[in-house]
Amino acid sequence: MNKEKLILDIMKDFEKDGEPITREEAEEMAEMELKAKENCKDYVQGEKSERKKSTRERKVDKDKEYILKCVKALIEDIQIRENGGECETALKTETELSFGLWGSDYTLKLTKHRKKKG
């Protein structure tokens, strides 16, 4: 963008805002803007490296596992009594139990809450 066009644009913008400025003020602003553009550096984005996968092992909560195994046994007992021997339960890790009962599918998820601080 040439300096003259920039000066005229600045003057028009200020006039639209109801604050007309002189040509000298617009020239100063145009010079400052052009210098700022010269000093701007063009940054080039570097190559992205792949993130390393976490090798941390997941901790199994034995308390939650015990509770869900007890609940699973209760549900299987209900299924045997109601369905005459059909058991449809699936334990997903120690946190989630899926089962079918009375013609519907259910999922029971166990959440252990942390103690409040303070």
C-alpha atoms as a PDB file:
ATOM      1  CA  MET A   1       0.000   0.000   0.000  1.00  0.00           C
ATOM      2  CA  ASN A   2       1.479   3.348  -0.973  1.00  0.00           C
ATOM      3  CA  LYS A   3       1.834   6.191   1.487  1.00  0.00           C
ATOM      4  CA  GLU A   4      -0.599   8.573  -0.235  1.00  0.00           C
ATOM      5  CA  LYS A   5      -3.437   6.048  -0.265  1.00  0.00           C
ATOM      6  CA  LEU A   6      -2.772   5.238   3.383  1.00  0.00           C
ATOM      7  CA  ILE A   7      -2.932   8.933   4.303  1.00  0.00           C
ATOM      8  CA  LEU A   8      -6.279   9.333   2.557  1.00  0.00           C
ATOM      9  CA  ASP A   9      -7.667   6.191   4.213  1.00  0.00           C
ATOM     10  CA  ILE A  10      -6.636   7.437   7.656  1.00  0.00           C
ATOM     11  CA  MET A  11      -8.241  10.826   7.033  1.00  0.00           C
ATOM     12  CA  LYS A  12     -11.481   9.182   5.836  1.00  0.00           C
ATOM     13  CA  ASP A  13     -11.594   6.870   8.876  1.00  0.00           C
ATOM     14  CA  PHE A  14     -11.199   9.754  11.313  1.00  0.00           C
ATOM     15  CA  GLU A  15     -13.774  11.816   9.406  1.00  0.00           C
ATOM     16  CA  LYS A  16     -16.293   8.938   9.652  1.00  0.00           C
ATOM     17  CA  ASP A  17     -15.760   8.875  13.417  1.00  0.00           C
ATOM     18  CA  GLY A  18     -16.523  12.608  13.574  1.00  0.00           C
ATOM     19  CA  GLU A  19     -12.946  13.544  14.459  1.00  0.00           C
ATOM     20  CA  PRO A  20     -11.355  15.084  11.346  1.00  0.00           C
ATOM     21  CA  ILE A  21      -7.572  15.375  11.427  1.00  0.00           C
ATOM     22  CA  THR A  22      -5.092  17.418   9.435  1.00  0.00           C
ATOM     23  CA  ARG A  23      -3.030  16.038   6.602  1.00  0.00           C
ATOM     24  CA  GLU A  24       0.152  16.389   8.671  1.00  0.00           C
ATOM     25  CA  GLU A  25      -1.302  14.260  11.465  1.00  0.00           C
ATOM     26  CA  ALA A  26      -2.416  11.657   8.930  1.00  0.00           C
ATOM     27  CA  GLU A  27       1.089  11.657   7.377  1.00  0.00           C
ATOM     28  CA  GLU A  28       2.660  11.010  10.784  1.00  0.00           C
ATOM     29  CA  MET A  29       0.270   8.146  11.426  1.00  0.00           C
ATOM     30  CA  ALA A  30       0.933   6.677   7.971  1.00  0.00           C
ATOM     31  CA  GLU A  31       4.700   6.833   8.497  1.00  0.00           C
ATOM     32  CA  MET A  32       4.391   5.136  11.883  1.00  0.00           C
ATOM     33  CA  GLU A  33       2.202   2.416  10.403  1.00  0.00           C
ATOM     34  CA  LEU A  34       4.599   1.786   7.505  1.00  0.00           C
ATOM     35  CA  LYS A  35       7.583   1.608   9.892  1.00  0.00           C
ATOM     36  CA  ALA A  36       5.693  -0.827  12.087  1.00  0.00           C
ATOM     37  CA  LYS A  37       5.030  -3.052   9.084  1.00  0.00           C
ATOM     38  CA  GLU A  38       8.725  -2.965   8.133  1.00  0.00           C
ATOM     39  CA  ASN A  39       9.774  -4.014  11.617  1.00  0.00           C
ATOM     40  CA  CYS A  40       7.337  -6.915  11.749  1.00  0.00           C
ATOM     41  CA  LYS A  41       9.069 -10.214  11.328  1.00  0.00           C
ATOM     42  CA  ASP A  42       7.572 -12.999   9.309  1.00  0.00           C
ATOM     43  CA  TYR A  43       7.480 -16.025  11.550  1.00  0.00           C
ATOM     44  CA  VAL A  44       7.567 -19.429   9.922  1.00  0.00           C
ATOM     45  CA  GLN A  45       5.938 -22.304  11.681  1.00  0.00           C
ATOM     46  CA  GLY A  46       8.328 -25.108  12.480  1.00  0.00           C
ATOM     47  CA  GLU A  47       7.745 -28.741  11.779  1.00  0.00           C
ATOM     48  CA  LYS A  48       5.508 -30.511  14.216  1.00  0.00           C
ATOM     49  CA  SER A  49       6.953 -33.495  15.970  1.00  0.00           C
ATOM     50  CA  GLU A  50       4.767 -36.338  17.067  1.00  0.00           C
ATOM     51  CA  ARG A  51       3.821 -36.424  20.725  1.00  0.00           C
ATOM     52  CA  LYS A  52       5.210 -39.251  22.743  1.00  0.00           C
ATOM     53  CA  LYS A  53       2.597 -41.641  24.018  1.00  0.00           C
ATOM     54  CA  SER A  54       2.227 -41.795  27.760  1.00  0.00           C
ATOM     55  CA  THR A  55       3.672 -44.964  29.230  1.00  0.00           C
ATOM     56  CA  ARG A  56       2.058 -44.485  32.627  1.00  0.00           C
ATOM     57  CA  GLU A  57       0.145 -47.532  33.756  1.00  0.00           C
ATOM     58  CA  ARG A  58      -3.403 -47.145  34.933  1.00  0.00           C
ATOM     59  CA  LYS A  59      -3.930 -47.822  38.633  1.00  0.00           C
ATOM     60  CA  VAL A  60      -6.625 -50.363  39.431  1.00  0.00           C
ATOM     61  CA  ASP A  61      -8.840 -49.412  42.371  1.00  0.00           C
ATOM     62  CA  LYS A  62      -9.315 -52.624  44.355  1.00  0.00           C
ATOM     63  CA  ASP A  63     -12.199 -51.189  46.422  1.00  0.00           C
ATOM     64  CA  LYS A  64     -14.221 -50.274  43.341  1.00  0.00           C
ATOM     65  CA  GLU A  65     -13.445 -53.654  41.804  1.00  0.00           C
ATOM     66  CA  TYR A  66     -14.722 -55.456  44.911  1.00  0.00           C
ATOM     67  CA  ILE A  67     -17.923 -53.371  45.065  1.00  0.00           C
ATOM     68  CA  LEU A  68     -18.741 -53.944  41.397  1.00  0.00           C
ATOM     69  CA  LYS A  69     -18.057 -57.687  41.661  1.00  0.00           C
ATOM     70  CA  CYS A  70     -20.552 -57.859  44.549  1.00  0.00           C
ATOM     71  CA  VAL A  71     -23.127 -55.901  42.522  1.00  0.00           C
ATOM     72  CA  LYS A  72     -22.466 -58.183  39.551  1.00  0.00           C
ATOM     73  CA  ALA A  73     -23.164 -61.232  41.697  1.00  0.00           C
ATOM     74  CA  LEU A  74     -26.442 -59.695  42.891  1.00  0.00           C
ATOM     75  CA  ILE A  75     -27.548 -58.851  39.357  1.00  0.00           C
ATOM     76  CA  GLU A  76     -26.655 -62.325  38.094  1.00  0.00           C
ATOM     77  CA  ASP A  77     -28.699 -63.792  40.954  1.00  0.00           C
ATOM     78  CA  ILE A  78     -31.686 -61.652  39.906  1.00  0.00           C
ATOM     79  CA  GLN A  79     -31.188 -62.674  36.265  1.00  0.00           C
ATOM     80  CA  ILE A  80     -31.116 -66.364  37.185  1.00  0.00           C
ATOM     81  CA  ARG A  81     -34.320 -66.032  39.214  1.00  0.00           C
ATOM     82  CA  GLU A  82     -36.142 -63.899  36.628  1.00  0.00           C
ATOM     83  CA  ASN A  83     -34.873 -65.392  33.356  1.00  0.00           C
ATOM     84  CA  GLY A  84     -34.400 -68.982  34.432  1.00  0.00           C
ATOM     85  CA  GLY A  85     -30.631 -69.197  34.099  1.00  0.00           C
ATOM     86  CA  GLU A  86     -29.638 -66.589  31.494  1.00  0.00           C
ATOM     87  CA  CYS A  87     -26.880 -64.248  32.645  1.00  0.00           C
ATOM     88  CA  GLU A  88     -25.804 -61.227  30.590  1.00  0.00           C
ATOM     89  CA  THR A  89     -23.237 -59.200  32.528  1.00  0.00           C
ATOM     90  CA  ALA A  90     -19.986 -57.621  31.399  1.00  0.00           C
ATOM     91  CA  LEU A  91     -17.491 -55.989  33.740  1.00  0.00           C
ATOM     92  CA  LYS A  92     -15.524 -53.241  32.020  1.00  0.00           C
ATOM     93  CA  THR A  93     -12.359 -52.639  34.055  1.00  0.00           C
ATOM     94  CA  GLU A  94     -13.223 -51.973  37.685  1.00  0.00           C
ATOM     95  CA  THR A  95     -15.450 -48.999  36.944  1.00  0.00           C
ATOM     96  CA  GLU A  96     -18.299 -50.105  34.724  1.00  0.00           C
ATOM     97  CA  LEU A  97     -20.787 -52.969  34.675  1.00  0.00           C
ATOM     98  CA  SER A  98     -23.123 -53.627  31.749  1.00  0.00           C
ATOM     99  CA  PHE A  99     -26.046 -56.002  32.070  1.00  0.00           C
ATOM    100  CA  GLY A 100     -29.441 -56.885  30.663  1.00  0.00           C
ATOM    101  CA  LEU A 101     -32.483 -57.223  32.887  1.00  0.00           C
ATOM    102  CA  TRP A 102     -36.211 -57.486  32.151  1.00  0.00           C
ATOM    103  CA  GLY A 103     -35.658 -56.966  28.436  1.00  0.00           C
ATOM    104  CA  SER A 104     -33.599 -53.778  28.771  1.00  0.00           C
ATOM    105  CA  ASP A 105     -29.875 -53.033  28.749  1.00  0.00           C
ATOM    106  CA  TYR A 106     -28.246 -51.100  31.585  1.00  0.00           C
ATOM    107  CA  THR A 107     -24.822 -49.734  32.454  1.00  0.00           C
ATOM    108  CA  LEU A 108     -23.757 -49.071  36.013  1.00  0.00           C
ATOM    109  CA  LYS A 109     -20.737 -46.813  36.451  1.00  0.00           C
ATOM    110  CA  LEU A 110     -19.027 -46.491  39.811  1.00  0.00           C
ATOM    111  CA  THR A 111     -17.317 -43.210  40.680  1.00  0.00           C
ATOM    112  CA  LYS A 112     -15.061 -42.719  43.685  1.00  0.00           C
ATOM    113  CA  HIS A 113     -15.094 -39.114  44.878  1.00  0.00           C
ATOM    114  CA  ARG A 114     -12.010 -37.422  46.256  1.00  0.00           C
ATOM    115  CA  LYS A 115     -11.994 -35.933  49.723  1.00  0.00           C
ATOM    116  CA  LYS A 116     -12.609 -32.188  49.832  1.00  0.00           C
ATOM    117  CA  LYS A 117      -9.579 -30.030  50.599  1.00  0.00           C
ATOM    118  CA  GLY A 118      -9.525 -27.945  53.740  1.00  0.00           C
END
